[in-house]
PDB file of N, CA and C in Angstrom:
ATOM      1  N   MET A   1       0.852  -1.198   0.002  1.00  0.00           N
ATOM      2  CA  MET A   1       0.000  -0.002   0.003  1.00  0.00           C
ATOM      3  C   MET A   1       0.882   1.235   0.002  1.00  0.00           C
ATOM      4  N   ASP A   2       0.681   2.105  -0.959  1.00  0.00           N
ATOM      5  CA  ASP A   2       1.452   3.327  -1.054  1.00  0.00           C
ATOM      6  C   ASP A   2       0.765   4.388  -0.208  1.00  0.00           C
ATOM      7  N   VAL A   3       1.539   5.024   0.655  1.00  0.00           N
ATOM      8  CA  VAL A   3       1.000   6.040   1.561  1.00  0.00           C
ATOM      9  C   VAL A   3       0.513   7.264   0.789  1.00  0.00           C
ATOM     10  N   LYS A   4       1.088   7.512  -0.383  1.00  0.00           N
ATOM     11  CA  LYS A   4       0.671   8.666  -1.191  1.00  0.00           C
ATOM     12  C   LYS A   4      -0.802   8.580  -1.537  1.00  0.00           C
ATOM     13  N   VAL A   5      -1.317   7.347  -1.750  1.00  0.00           N
ATOM     14  CA  VAL A   5      -2.724   7.158  -2.077  1.00  0.00           C
ATOM     15  C   VAL A   5      -3.592   7.601  -0.920  1.00  0.00           C
ATOM     16  N   LEU A   6      -3.171   7.327   0.319  1.00  0.00           N
ATOM     17  CA  LEU A   6      -3.933   7.758   1.478  1.00  0.00           C
ATOM     18  C   LEU A   6      -3.951   9.268   1.616  1.00  0.00           C
ATOM     19  N   TYR A   7      -2.846   9.924   1.293  1.00  0.00           N
ATOM     20  CA  TYR A   7      -2.832  11.388   1.294  1.00  0.00           C
ATOM     21  C   TYR A   7      -3.755  11.950   0.239  1.00  0.00           C
ATOM     22  N   GLU A   8      -3.745  11.330  -0.950  1.00  0.00           N
ATOM     23  CA  GLU A   8      -4.586  11.788  -2.045  1.00  0.00           C
ATOM     24  C   GLU A   8      -6.092  11.603  -1.719  1.00  0.00           C
ATOM     25  N   LYS A   9      -6.429  10.525  -1.050  1.00  0.00           N
ATOM     26  CA  LYS A   9      -7.830  10.276  -0.698  1.00  0.00           C
ATOM     27  C   LYS A   9      -8.300  11.090   0.497  1.00  0.00           C
ATOM     28  N   GLY A  10      -7.373  11.792   1.148  1.00  0.00           N
ATOM     29  CA  GLY A  10      -7.745  12.630   2.280  1.00  0.00           C
ATOM     30  C   GLY A  10      -7.837  11.875   3.598  1.00  0.00           C
ATOM     31  N   LEU A  11      -7.303  10.663   3.657  1.00  0.00           N
ATOM     32  CA  LEU A  11      -7.356   9.900   4.911  1.00  0.00           C
ATOM     33  C   LEU A  11      -6.236  10.278   5.871  1.00  0.00           C
ATOM     34  N   LEU A  12      -5.186  10.876   5.345  1.00  0.00           N
ATOM     35  CA  LEU A  12      -4.094  11.324   6.180  1.00  0.00           C
ATOM     36  C   LEU A  12      -3.953  12.827   6.092  1.00  0.00           C
ATOM     37  N   ALA A  13      -3.786  13.476   7.224  1.00  0.00           N
ATOM     38  CA  ALA A  13      -3.551  14.913   7.225  1.00  0.00           C
ATOM     39  C   ALA A  13      -2.113  15.196   6.811  1.00  0.00           C
ATOM     40  N   SER A  14      -1.855  16.390   6.374  1.00  0.00           N
ATOM     41  CA  SER A  14      -0.501  16.714   5.877  1.00  0.00           C
ATOM     42  C   SER A  14       0.542  16.635   6.992  1.00  0.00           C
ATOM     43  N   ASP A  15       0.146  16.849   8.244  1.00  0.00           N
ATOM     44  CA  ASP A  15       1.096  16.785   9.363  1.00  0.00           C
ATOM     45  C   ASP A  15       1.127  15.406  10.037  1.00  0.00           C
ATOM     46  N   GLU A  16       0.363  14.462   9.534  1.00  0.00           N
ATOM     47  CA  GLU A  16       0.282  13.126  10.128  1.00  0.00           C
ATOM     48  C   GLU A  16       1.436  12.250   9.647  1.00  0.00           C
ATOM     49  N   LYS A  17       2.045  11.529  10.584  1.00  0.00           N
ATOM     50  CA  LYS A  17       3.180  10.686  10.243  1.00  0.00           C
ATOM     51  C   LYS A  17       2.822   9.216  10.351  1.00  0.00           C
ATOM     52  N   VAL A  18       3.231   8.442   9.354  1.00  0.00           N
ATOM     53  CA  VAL A  18       3.027   6.999   9.384  1.00  0.00           C
ATOM     54  C   VAL A  18       4.158   6.402  10.219  1.00  0.00           C
ATOM     55  N   ILE A  19       3.796   5.658  11.247  1.00  0.00           N
ATOM     56  CA  ILE A  19       4.763   5.047  12.144  1.00  0.00           C
ATOM     57  C   ILE A  19       5.079   3.624  11.736  1.00  0.00           C
ATOM     58  N   TYR A  20       4.060   2.868  11.363  1.00  0.00           N
ATOM     59  CA  TYR A  20       4.249   1.459  10.975  1.00  0.00           C
ATOM     60  C   TYR A  20       3.206   1.086   9.946  1.00  0.00           C
ATOM     61  N   GLN A  21       3.606   0.210   9.025  1.00  0.00           N
ATOM     62  CA  GLN A  21       2.730  -0.272   7.978  1.00  0.00           C
ATOM     63  C   GLN A  21       3.060  -1.721   7.703  1.00  0.00           C
ATOM     64  N   THR A  22       2.041  -2.561   7.558  1.00  0.00           N
ATOM     65  CA  THR A  22       2.255  -3.972   7.232  1.00  0.00           C
ATOM     66  C   THR A  22       1.130  -4.440   6.297  1.00  0.00           C
ATOM     67  N   THR A  23       1.388  -5.508   5.562  1.00  0.00           N
ATOM     68  CA  THR A  23       0.443  -6.064   4.621  1.00  0.00           C
ATOM     69  C   THR A  23       0.283  -7.555   4.871  1.00  0.00           C
ATOM     70  N   GLN A  24      -0.929  -8.078   4.613  1.00  0.00           N
ATOM     71  CA  GLN A  24      -1.157  -9.506   4.779  1.00  0.00           C
ATOM     72  C   GLN A  24      -0.220 -10.291   3.885  1.00  0.00           C
ATOM     73  N   ARG A  25       0.107 -11.472   4.352  1.00  0.00           N
ATOM     74  CA  ARG A  25       0.935 -12.376   3.547  1.00  0.00           C
ATOM     75  C   ARG A  25       0.091 -12.915   2.395  1.00  0.00           C
ATOM     76  N   ARG A  26       0.725 -13.208   1.311  1.00  0.00           N
ATOM     77  CA  ARG A  26       0.019 -13.690   0.106  1.00  0.00           C
ATOM     78  C   ARG A  26      -0.638 -15.050   0.340  1.00  0.00           C
ATOM     79  N   VAL A  27      -0.178 -15.800   1.317  1.00  0.00           N
ATOM     80  CA  VAL A  27      -0.766 -17.105   1.621  1.00  0.00           C
ATOM     81  C   VAL A  27      -2.215 -16.915   2.096  1.00  0.00           C
ATOM     82  N   LYS A  28      -2.494 -15.878   2.887  1.00  0.00           N
ATOM     83  CA  LYS A  28      -3.823 -15.632   3.431  1.00  0.00           C
ATOM     84  C   LYS A  28      -4.759 -15.074   2.369  1.00  0.00           C
ATOM     85  N   LYS A  29      -4.316 -14.066   1.670  1.00  0.00           N
ATOM     86  CA  LYS A  29      -5.177 -13.419   0.675  1.00  0.00           C
ATOM     87  C   LYS A  29      -4.321 -13.126  -0.558  1.00  0.00           C
ATOM     88  N   ALA A  30      -4.377 -14.035  -1.521  1.00  0.00           N
ATOM     89  CA  ALA A  30      -3.422 -14.019  -2.638  1.00  0.00           C
ATOM     90  C   ALA A  30      -3.571 -12.834  -3.575  1.00  0.00           C
ATOM     91  N   ILE A  31      -4.793 -12.384  -3.850  1.00  0.00           N
ATOM     92  CA  ILE A  31      -4.937 -11.365  -4.892  1.00  0.00           C
ATOM     93  C   ILE A  31      -4.972  -9.956  -4.330  1.00  0.00           C
ATOM     94  N   TYR A  32      -5.790  -9.716  -3.299  1.00  0.00           N
ATOM     95  CA  TYR A  32      -5.942  -8.360  -2.764  1.00  0.00           C
ATOM     96  C   TYR A  32      -5.611  -8.371  -1.253  1.00  0.00           C
ATOM     97  N   PRO A  33      -4.347  -8.348  -0.862  1.00  0.00           N
ATOM     98  CA  PRO A  33      -4.025  -8.377   0.570  1.00  0.00           C
ATOM     99  C   PRO A  33      -4.360  -7.055   1.252  1.00  0.00           C
ATOM    100  N   ALA A  34      -4.854  -7.143   2.475  1.00  0.00           N
ATOM    101  CA  ALA A  34      -5.194  -5.946   3.247  1.00  0.00           C
ATOM    102  C   ALA A  34      -3.937  -5.384   3.899  1.00  0.00           C
ATOM    103  N   SER A  35      -3.976  -4.100   4.220  1.00  0.00           N
ATOM    104  CA  SER A  35      -2.867  -3.419   4.888  1.00  0.00           C
ATOM    105  C   SER A  35      -3.352  -2.801   6.176  1.00  0.00           C
ATOM    106  N   VAL A  36      -2.474  -2.755   7.175  1.00  0.00           N
ATOM    107  CA  VAL A  36      -2.730  -2.047   8.434  1.00  0.00           C
ATOM    108  C   VAL A  36      -1.689  -0.940   8.545  1.00  0.00           C
ATOM    109  N   ILE A  37      -2.147   0.301   8.676  1.00  0.00           N
ATOM    110  CA  ILE A  37      -1.276   1.446   8.763  1.00  0.00           C
ATOM    111  C   ILE A  37      -1.504   2.124  10.115  1.00  0.00           C
ATOM    112  N   VAL A  38      -0.418   2.282  10.871  1.00  0.00           N
ATOM    113  CA  VAL A  38      -0.490   2.946  12.172  1.00  0.00           C
ATOM    114  C   VAL A  38       0.162   4.316  12.028  1.00  0.00           C
ATOM    115  N   THR A  39      -0.590   5.368  12.314  1.00  0.00           N
ATOM    116  CA  THR A  39      -0.051   6.723  12.281  1.00  0.00           C
ATOM    117  C   THR A  39      -0.034   7.287  13.695  1.00  0.00           C
ATOM    118  N   ASP A  40       0.407   8.528  13.812  1.00  0.00           N
ATOM    119  CA  ASP A  40       0.437   9.138  15.135  1.00  0.00           C
ATOM    120  C   ASP A  40      -0.935   9.592  15.610  1.00  0.00           C
ATOM    121  N   LYS A  41      -1.974   9.467  14.741  1.00  0.00           N
ATOM    122  CA  LYS A  41      -3.336   9.896  15.123  1.00  0.00           C
ATOM    123  C   LYS A  41      -4.389   8.815  14.989  1.00  0.00           C
ATOM    124  N   GLN A  42      -4.126   7.767  14.203  1.00  0.00           N
ATOM    125  CA  GLN A  42      -5.173   6.776  13.920  1.00  0.00           C
ATOM    126  C   GLN A  42      -4.567   5.475  13.429  1.00  0.00           C
ATOM    127  N   ILE A  43      -5.454   4.463  13.359  1.00  0.00           N
ATOM    128  CA  ILE A  43      -5.113   3.183  12.742  1.00  0.00           C
ATOM    129  C   ILE A  43      -6.026   3.026  11.518  1.00  0.00           C
ATOM    130  N   ILE A  44      -5.437   2.664  10.372  1.00  0.00           N
ATOM    131  CA  ILE A  44      -6.186   2.517   9.145  1.00  0.00           C
ATOM    132  C   ILE A  44      -6.066   1.083   8.670  1.00  0.00           C
ATOM    133  N   VAL A  45      -7.216   0.471   8.321  1.00  0.00           N
ATOM    134  CA  VAL A  45      -7.253  -0.848   7.727  1.00  0.00           C
ATOM    135  C   VAL A  45      -7.727  -0.657   6.293  1.00  0.00           C
ATOM    136  N   TYR A  46      -6.857  -0.970   5.341  1.00  0.00           N
ATOM    137  CA  TYR A  46      -7.113  -0.751   3.909  1.00  0.00           C
ATOM    138  C   TYR A  46      -7.234  -2.126   3.257  1.00  0.00           C
ATOM    139  N   SER A  47      -8.444  -2.428   2.734  1.00  0.00           N
ATOM    140  CA  SER A  47      -8.694  -3.717   2.080  1.00  0.00           C
ATOM    141  C   SER A  47      -9.124  -3.466   0.650  1.00  0.00           C
ATOM    142  N   PRO A  48      -8.214  -3.658  -0.309  1.00  0.00           N
ATOM    143  CA  PRO A  48      -8.592  -3.458  -1.711  1.00  0.00           C
ATOM    144  C   PRO A  48      -9.560  -4.543  -2.195  1.00  0.00           C
ATOM    145  N   LYS A  49     -10.435  -4.176  -3.085  1.00  0.00           N
ATOM    146  CA  LYS A  49     -11.392  -5.083  -3.709  1.00  0.00           C
ATOM    147  C   LYS A  49     -11.195  -5.055  -5.218  1.00  0.00           C
ATOM    148  N   MET A  50     -11.948  -5.858  -5.919  1.00  0.00           N
ATOM    149  CA  MET A  50     -11.824  -5.875  -7.382  1.00  0.00           C
ATOM    150  C   MET A  50     -12.143  -4.500  -7.947  1.00  0.00           C
ATOM    151  N   VAL A  51     -13.164  -3.859  -7.396  1.00  0.00           N
ATOM    152  CA  VAL A  51     -13.541  -2.508  -7.799  1.00  0.00           C
ATOM    153  C   VAL A  51     -13.567  -1.658  -6.518  1.00  0.00           C
ATOM    154  N   GLY A  52     -12.559  -0.806  -6.317  1.00  0.00           N
ATOM    155  CA  GLY A  52     -12.523   0.054  -5.163  1.00  0.00           C
ATOM    156  C   GLY A  52     -11.802  -0.585  -3.981  1.00  0.00           C
ATOM    157  N   ALA A  53     -12.147  -0.131  -2.786  1.00  0.00           N
ATOM    158  CA  ALA A  53     -11.490  -0.626  -1.574  1.00  0.00           C
ATOM    159  C   ALA A  53     -12.353  -0.331  -0.359  1.00  0.00           C
ATOM    160  N   ASP A  54     -12.199  -1.139   0.657  1.00  0.00           N
ATOM    161  CA  ASP A  54     -12.810  -0.873   1.960  1.00  0.00           C
ATOM    162  C   ASP A  54     -11.736  -0.238   2.824  1.00  0.00           C
ATOM    163  N   ILE A  55     -12.022   0.948   3.336  1.00  0.00           N
ATOM    164  CA  ILE A  55     -11.050   1.671   4.165  1.00  0.00           C
ATOM    165  C   ILE A  55     -11.734   2.011   5.483  1.00  0.00           C
ATOM    166  N   SER A  56     -11.116   1.574   6.566  1.00  0.00           N
ATOM    167  CA  SER A  56     -11.621   1.863   7.912  1.00  0.00           C
ATOM    168  C   SER A  56     -10.541   2.607   8.681  1.00  0.00           C
ATOM    169  N   ALA A  57     -10.883   3.729   9.266  1.00  0.00           N
ATOM    170  CA  ALA A  57      -9.920   4.514  10.055  1.00  0.00           C
ATOM    171  C   ALA A  57     -10.468   4.669  11.464  1.00  0.00           C
ATOM    172  N   TYR A  58      -9.620   4.417  12.447  1.00  0.00           N
ATOM    173  CA  TYR A  58     -10.033   4.478  13.850  1.00  0.00           C
ATOM    174  C   TYR A  58      -9.055   5.356  14.620  1.00  0.00           C
ATOM    175  N   GLY A  59      -9.565   6.445  15.166  1.00  0.00           N
ATOM    176  CA  GLY A  59      -8.756   7.306  16.024  1.00  0.00           C
ATOM    177  C   GLY A  59      -8.505   6.612  17.352  1.00  0.00           C
ATOM    178  N   TYR A  60      -7.432   6.969  18.030  1.00  0.00           N
ATOM    179  CA  TYR A  60      -7.078   6.306  19.275  1.00  0.00           C
ATOM    180  C   TYR A  60      -8.117   6.525  20.365  1.00  0.00           C
ATOM    181  N   GLY A  61      -8.882   7.591  20.301  1.00  0.00           N
ATOM    182  CA  GLY A  61      -9.918   7.847  21.286  1.00  0.00           C
ATOM    183  C   GLY A  61     -11.106   6.874  21.192  1.00  0.00           C
ATOM    184  N   ARG A  62     -11.295   6.237  20.034  1.00  0.00           N
ATOM    185  CA  ARG A  62     -12.383   5.299  19.829  1.00  0.00           C
ATOM    186  C   ARG A  62     -12.027   3.852  20.225  1.00  0.00           C
ATOM    187  N   LEU A  63     -10.740   3.587  20.400  1.00  0.00           N
ATOM    188  CA  LEU A  63     -10.307   2.212  20.680  1.00  0.00           C
ATOM    189  C   LEU A  63     -10.666   1.798  22.093  1.00  0.00           C
ATOM    190  N   GLN A  64     -11.175   0.575  22.202  1.00  0.00           N
ATOM    191  CA  GLN A  64     -11.452   0.022  23.526  1.00  0.00           C
ATOM    192  C   GLN A  64     -10.487  -1.121  23.849  1.00  0.00           C
ATOM    193  N   ASN A  65     -10.134  -1.911  22.875  1.00  0.00           N
ATOM    194  CA  ASN A  65      -9.269  -3.048  23.103  1.00  0.00           C
ATOM    195  C   ASN A  65      -8.585  -3.430  21.782  1.00  0.00           C
ATOM    196  N   VAL A  66      -7.359  -3.880  21.886  1.00  0.00           N
ATOM    197  CA  VAL A  66      -6.629  -4.398  20.737  1.00  0.00           C
ATOM    198  C   VAL A  66      -6.032  -5.745  21.158  1.00  0.00           C
ATOM    199  N   LYS A  67      -6.340  -6.780  20.384  1.00  0.00           N
ATOM    200  CA  LYS A  67      -5.826  -8.118  20.685  1.00  0.00           C
ATOM    201  C   LYS A  67      -4.918  -8.554  19.556  1.00  0.00           C
ATOM    202  N   ILE A  68      -3.820  -9.180  19.931  1.00  0.00           N
ATOM    203  CA  ILE A  68      -2.872  -9.727  18.985  1.00  0.00           C
ATOM    204  C   ILE A  68      -2.768 -11.208  19.245  1.00  0.00           C
ATOM    205  N   ARG A  69      -2.885 -12.001  18.231  1.00  0.00           N
ATOM    206  CA  ARG A  69      -2.676 -13.453  18.349  1.00  0.00           C
ATOM    207  C   ARG A  69      -1.525 -13.820  17.451  1.00  0.00           C
ATOM    208  N   LYS A  70      -0.465 -14.374  18.024  1.00  0.00           N
ATOM    209  CA  LYS A  70       0.711 -14.738  17.251  1.00  0.00           C
ATOM    210  C   LYS A  70       0.772 -16.250  17.082  1.00  0.00           C
ATOM    211  N   LYS A  71       1.097 -16.672  15.889  1.00  0.00           N
ATOM    212  CA  LYS A  71       1.352 -18.082  15.573  1.00  0.00           C
ATOM    213  C   LYS A  71       2.785 -18.183  15.062  1.00  0.00           C
ATOM    214  N   PHE A  72       3.180 -19.320  14.562  1.00  0.00           N
ATOM    215  CA  PHE A  72       4.551 -19.487  14.107  1.00  0.00           C
ATOM    216  C   PHE A  72       4.890 -18.588  12.912  1.00  0.00           C
ATOM    217  N   PHE A  73       4.006 -18.544  11.928  1.00  0.00           N
ATOM    218  CA  PHE A  73       4.310 -17.808  10.713  1.00  0.00           C
ATOM    219  C   PHE A  73       3.462 -16.586  10.492  1.00  0.00           C
ATOM    220  N   THR A  74       2.359 -16.474  11.222  1.00  0.00           N
ATOM    221  CA  THR A  74       1.461 -15.342  11.031  1.00  0.00           C
ATOM    222  C   THR A  74       0.983 -14.792  12.359  1.00  0.00           C
ATOM    223  N   SER A  75       0.346 -13.648  12.282  1.00  0.00           N
ATOM    224  CA  SER A  75      -0.308 -13.051  13.477  1.00  0.00           C
ATOM    225  C   SER A  75      -1.628 -12.434  13.027  1.00  0.00           C
ATOM    226  N   THR A  76      -2.501 -12.233  13.980  1.00  0.00           N
ATOM    227  CA  THR A  76      -3.833 -11.680  13.723  1.00  0.00           C
ATOM    228  C   THR A  76      -4.041 -10.516  14.688  1.00  0.00           C
ATOM    229  N   ILE A  77      -4.562  -9.402  14.185  1.00  0.00           N
ATOM    230  CA  ILE A  77      -4.894  -8.267  15.042  1.00  0.00           C
ATOM    231  C   ILE A  77      -6.420  -8.116  15.053  1.00  0.00           C
ATOM    232  N   GLU A  78      -6.934  -7.879  16.233  1.00  0.00           N
ATOM    233  CA  GLU A  78      -8.378  -7.696  16.426  1.00  0.00           C
ATOM    234  C   GLU A  78      -8.547  -6.349  17.141  1.00  0.00           C
ATOM    235  N   ILE A  79      -9.218  -5.400  16.483  1.00  0.00           N
ATOM    236  CA  ILE A  79      -9.386  -4.061  17.014  1.00  0.00           C
ATOM    237  C   ILE A  79     -10.861  -3.899  17.453  1.00  0.00           C
ATOM    238  N   HIS A  80     -11.069  -3.609  18.725  1.00  0.00           N
ATOM    239  CA  HIS A  80     -12.397  -3.374  19.251  1.00  0.00           C
ATOM    240  C   HIS A  80     -12.580  -1.894  19.473  1.00  0.00           C
ATOM    241  N   THR A  81     -13.642  -1.339  18.875  1.00  0.00           N
ATOM    242  CA  THR A  81     -13.971   0.065  19.104  1.00  0.00           C
ATOM    243  C   THR A  81     -15.333   0.122  19.782  1.00  0.00           C
ATOM    244  N   MET A  82     -15.846   1.314  19.925  1.00  0.00           N
ATOM    245  CA  MET A  82     -17.176   1.493  20.549  1.00  0.00           C
ATOM    246  C   MET A  82     -18.292   0.836  19.716  1.00  0.00           C
ATOM    247  N   THR A  83     -18.117   0.747  18.422  1.00  0.00           N
ATOM    248  CA  THR A  83     -19.158   0.247  17.548  1.00  0.00           C
ATOM    249  C   THR A  83     -18.770  -0.943  16.684  1.00  0.00           C
ATOM    250  N   ASP A  84     -17.497  -1.182  16.478  1.00  0.00           N
ATOM    251  CA  ASP A  84     -17.038  -2.207  15.550  1.00  0.00           C
ATOM    252  C   ASP A  84     -16.029  -3.153  16.164  1.00  0.00           C
ATOM    253  N   VAL A  85     -15.877  -4.292  15.508  1.00  0.00           N
ATOM    254  CA  VAL A  85     -14.770  -5.220  15.769  1.00  0.00           C
ATOM    255  C   VAL A  85     -14.178  -5.531  14.405  1.00  0.00           C
ATOM    256  N   VAL A  86     -12.890  -5.207  14.237  1.00  0.00           N
ATOM    257  CA  VAL A  86     -12.215  -5.424  12.967  1.00  0.00           C
ATOM    258  C   VAL A  86     -11.120  -6.436  13.219  1.00  0.00           C
ATOM    259  N   LYS A  87     -11.075  -7.454  12.350  1.00  0.00           N
ATOM    260  CA  LYS A  87     -10.086  -8.527  12.505  1.00  0.00           C
ATOM    261  C   LYS A  87      -9.334  -8.660  11.186  1.00  0.00           C
ATOM    262  N   VAL A  88      -8.007  -8.605  11.259  1.00  0.00           N
ATOM    263  CA  VAL A  88      -7.144  -8.769  10.093  1.00  0.00           C
ATOM    264  C   VAL A  88      -6.170  -9.895  10.410  1.00  0.00           C
ATOM    265  N   GLY A  89      -6.276 -10.982   9.685  1.00  0.00           N
ATOM    266  CA  GLY A  89      -5.418 -12.128   9.877  1.00  0.00           C
ATOM    267  C   GLY A  89      -4.419 -12.278   8.771  1.00  0.00           C
ATOM    268  N   GLY A  90      -3.486 -13.191   8.947  1.00  0.00           N
ATOM    269  CA  GLY A  90      -2.491 -13.461   7.909  1.00  0.00           C
ATOM    270  C   GLY A  90      -1.395 -12.438   7.821  1.00  0.00           C
ATOM    271  N   LEU A  91      -1.193 -11.663   8.881  1.00  0.00           N
ATOM    272  CA  LEU A  91      -0.095 -10.682   8.886  1.00  0.00           C
ATOM    273  C   LEU A  91       1.212 -11.419   9.195  1.00  0.00           C
ATOM    274  N   PRO A  92       2.355 -10.863   8.841  1.00  0.00           N
ATOM    275  CA  PRO A  92       3.625 -11.491   9.235  1.00  0.00           C
ATOM    276  C   PRO A  92       3.687 -11.669  10.745  1.00  0.00           C
ATOM    277  N   SER A  93       4.428 -12.681  11.217  1.00  0.00           N
ATOM    278  CA  SER A  93       4.421 -13.031  12.644  1.00  0.00           C
ATOM    279  C   SER A  93       4.922 -11.913  13.531  1.00  0.00           C
ATOM    280  N   SER A  94       5.826 -11.103  13.090  1.00  0.00           N
ATOM    281  CA  SER A  94       6.357 -10.008  13.919  1.00  0.00           C
ATOM    282  C   SER A  94       5.498  -8.749  13.858  1.00  0.00           C
ATOM    283  N   ALA A  95       4.502  -8.715  12.972  1.00  0.00           N
ATOM    284  CA  ALA A  95       3.702  -7.522  12.763  1.00  0.00           C
ATOM    285  C   ALA A  95       2.846  -7.181  13.980  1.00  0.00           C
ATOM    286  N   GLY A  96       2.333  -8.169  14.680  1.00  0.00           N
ATOM    287  CA  GLY A  96       1.500  -7.904  15.827  1.00  0.00           C
ATOM    288  C   GLY A  96       2.226  -7.125  16.904  1.00  0.00           C
ATOM    289  N   SER A  97       3.434  -7.563  17.229  1.00  0.00           N
ATOM    290  CA  SER A  97       4.217  -6.857  18.250  1.00  0.00           C
ATOM    291  C   SER A  97       4.612  -5.466  17.787  1.00  0.00           C
ATOM    292  N   SER A  98       4.933  -5.337  16.522  1.00  0.00           N
ATOM    293  CA  SER A  98       5.325  -4.034  15.975  1.00  0.00           C
ATOM    294  C   SER A  98       4.161  -3.056  15.967  1.00  0.00           C
ATOM    295  N   ILE A  99       2.942  -3.531  15.704  1.00  0.00           N
ATOM    296  CA  ILE A  99       1.764  -2.652  15.744  1.00  0.00           C
ATOM    297  C   ILE A  99       1.543  -2.152  17.143  1.00  0.00           C
ATOM    298  N   LEU A 100       1.623  -3.030  18.145  1.00  0.00           N
ATOM    299  CA  LEU A 100       1.446  -2.599  19.530  1.00  0.00           C
ATOM    300  C   LEU A 100       2.509  -1.601  19.969  1.00  0.00           C
ATOM    301  N   GLN A 101       3.760  -1.851  19.588  1.00  0.00           N
ATOM    302  CA  GLN A 101       4.823  -0.913  19.950  1.00  0.00           C
ATOM    303  C   GLN A 101       4.609   0.443  19.300  1.00  0.00           C
ATOM    304  N   ALA A 102       4.159   0.447  18.062  1.00  0.00           N
ATOM    305  CA  ALA A 102       3.890   1.720  17.365  1.00  0.00           C
ATOM    306  C   ALA A 102       2.751   2.467  18.031  1.00  0.00           C
ATOM    307  N   MET A 103       1.703   1.759  18.455  1.00  0.00           N
ATOM    308  CA  MET A 103       0.579   2.406  19.123  1.00  0.00           C
ATOM    309  C   MET A 103       1.003   2.955  20.475  1.00  0.00           C
ATOM    310  N   ARG A 104       1.793   2.203  21.204  1.00  0.00           N
ATOM    311  CA  ARG A 104       2.235   2.658  22.533  1.00  0.00           C
ATOM    312  C   ARG A 104       3.163   3.865  22.431  1.00  0.00           C
ATOM    313  N   SER A 105       3.900   3.978  21.349  1.00  0.00           N
ATOM    314  CA  SER A 105       4.821   5.100  21.209  1.00  0.00           C
ATOM    315  C   SER A 105       4.102   6.444  21.050  1.00  0.00           C
ATOM    316  N   VAL A 106       2.864   6.422  20.609  1.00  0.00           N
ATOM    317  CA  VAL A 106       2.114   7.660  20.421  1.00  0.00           C
ATOM    318  C   VAL A 106       1.043   7.903  21.455  1.00  0.00           C
ATOM    319  N   MET A 107       0.732   6.913  22.242  1.00  0.00           N
ATOM    320  CA  MET A 107      -0.326   7.090  23.259  1.00  0.00           C
ATOM    321  C   MET A 107       0.251   7.610  24.567  1.00  0.00           C
TER     322      MET A 107
END
């Protein structure tokens, strides 16, 4: 996922910094892998589709719980907000820990 696209779509402010970005492994989702982008203001889950994309952005004030499940080769992140539960699986195994560290560095 190119960060320039997020700036063009207006999902990132000009002063917002991307701290960490990861993409699903091709084993989980071969054609359109989802991406998780952690910035200093929000978490963005970008899931491309055949036509368009599903984009979810969650500010840190809306987060209630974040769960990471690590396996040998992959990890899964589960984000609980006031209204949604978003689950992204098939991430690289080290991505779960890196996402939490990135979130803690800005909170």
